[in-house]
Amino acid sequence: MKKVIISGSSRNDGDTNTLTTELIKKTNWDLIDLNDYNFGYYDYDQRTFYSIFIY
């Protein structure tokens, strides 16, 4: 089974990044950094069609 680290830290150069970098070196796990994506807000009133999609 493949393992993956999902990181959503607000600072790309912080302690979390240091920890994930070391884990990746030692374990060969994949990294999904949520900072690499732009997420739109969710529109509860559904006035915006694109609010449910990642853009």
C-alpha atoms as a PDB file:
ATOM      1  CA  MET A   1       0.000   0.000   0.000  1.00  0.00           C
ATOM      2  CA  LYS A   2       1.366   3.422  -0.984  1.00  0.00           C
ATOM      3  CA  LYS A   3       1.646   6.040   1.756  1.00  0.00           C
ATOM      4  CA  VAL A   4       1.181   9.766   1.249  1.00  0.00           C
ATOM      5  CA  ILE A   5       1.688  12.893   3.338  1.00  0.00           C
ATOM      6  CA  ILE A   6      -0.925  15.622   2.951  1.00  0.00           C
ATOM      7  CA  SER A   7       0.436  18.962   4.084  1.00  0.00           C
ATOM      8  CA  GLY A   8      -1.566  22.154   4.413  1.00  0.00           C
ATOM      9  CA  SER A   9       0.787  24.289   6.465  1.00  0.00           C
ATOM     10  CA  SER A  10       0.507  28.053   6.033  1.00  0.00           C
ATOM     11  CA  ARG A  11       4.294  28.471   5.814  1.00  0.00           C
ATOM     12  CA  ASN A  12       6.199  26.549   3.149  1.00  0.00           C
ATOM     13  CA  ASP A  13       9.524  27.163   4.919  1.00  0.00           C
ATOM     14  CA  GLY A  14       8.461  26.239   8.458  1.00  0.00           C
ATOM     15  CA  ASP A  15       8.976  23.325  10.807  1.00  0.00           C
ATOM     16  CA  THR A  16       6.265  21.244   9.154  1.00  0.00           C
ATOM     17  CA  ASN A  17       8.111  21.440   5.848  1.00  0.00           C
ATOM     18  CA  THR A  18      11.342  20.404   7.553  1.00  0.00           C
ATOM     19  CA  LEU A  19       9.604  17.406   9.107  1.00  0.00           C
ATOM     20  CA  THR A  20       7.886  16.319   5.886  1.00  0.00           C
ATOM     21  CA  THR A  21      11.116  16.689   3.898  1.00  0.00           C
ATOM     22  CA  GLU A  22      12.923  14.377   6.322  1.00  0.00           C
ATOM     23  CA  LEU A  23      10.072  11.859   6.298  1.00  0.00           C
ATOM     24  CA  ILE A  24      10.074  11.769   2.509  1.00  0.00           C
ATOM     25  CA  LYS A  25      13.842  11.195   2.432  1.00  0.00           C
ATOM     26  CA  LYS A  26      13.610   8.295   4.888  1.00  0.00           C
ATOM     27  CA  THR A  27      10.399   6.656   3.712  1.00  0.00           C
ATOM     28  CA  ASN A  28       9.946   7.461  -0.012  1.00  0.00           C
ATOM     29  CA  TRP A  29       6.355   8.547   0.650  1.00  0.00           C
ATOM     30  CA  ASP A  30       4.598  10.912  -1.743  1.00  0.00           C
ATOM     31  CA  LEU A  31       3.703  14.473  -0.765  1.00  0.00           C
ATOM     32  CA  ILE A  32       0.529  16.359  -1.563  1.00  0.00           C
ATOM     33  CA  ASP A  33       1.059  19.992  -0.614  1.00  0.00           C
ATOM     34  CA  LEU A  34      -2.273  21.783  -0.483  1.00  0.00           C
ATOM     35  CA  ASN A  35      -0.474  25.095  -1.021  1.00  0.00           C
ATOM     36  CA  ASP A  36       0.113  23.989  -4.620  1.00  0.00           C
ATOM     37  CA  TYR A  37      -3.618  24.305  -5.322  1.00  0.00           C
ATOM     38  CA  ASN A  38      -6.073  27.190  -5.376  1.00  0.00           C
ATOM     39  CA  PHE A  39      -9.294  26.358  -3.592  1.00  0.00           C
ATOM     40  CA  GLY A  40     -12.385  28.457  -4.011  1.00  0.00           C
ATOM     41  CA  TYR A  41     -14.762  29.140  -1.180  1.00  0.00           C
ATOM     42  CA  TYR A  42     -17.940  27.144  -0.819  1.00  0.00           C
ATOM     43  CA  ASP A  43     -21.075  29.116  -1.612  1.00  0.00           C
ATOM     44  CA  TYR A  44     -23.788  27.783   0.684  1.00  0.00           C
ATOM     45  CA  ASP A  45     -26.455  29.688  -1.246  1.00  0.00           C
ATOM     46  CA  GLN A  46     -25.157  28.135  -4.485  1.00  0.00           C
ATOM     47  CA  ARG A  47     -25.109  31.474  -6.281  1.00  0.00           C
ATOM     48  CA  THR A  48     -21.763  30.643  -7.843  1.00  0.00           C
ATOM     49  CA  PHE A  49     -21.548  27.531  -9.998  1.00  0.00           C
ATOM     50  CA  TYR A  50     -17.752  27.275  -9.712  1.00  0.00           C
ATOM     51  CA  SER A  51     -17.691  27.393  -5.913  1.00  0.00           C
ATOM     52  CA  ILE A  52     -17.640  23.591  -5.687  1.00  0.00           C
ATOM     53  CA  PHE A  53     -14.632  23.158  -7.958  1.00  0.00           C
ATOM     54  CA  ILE A  54     -10.912  23.561  -7.466  1.00  0.00           C
ATOM     55  CA  TYR A  55      -9.701  26.110  -9.963  1.00  0.00           C
END
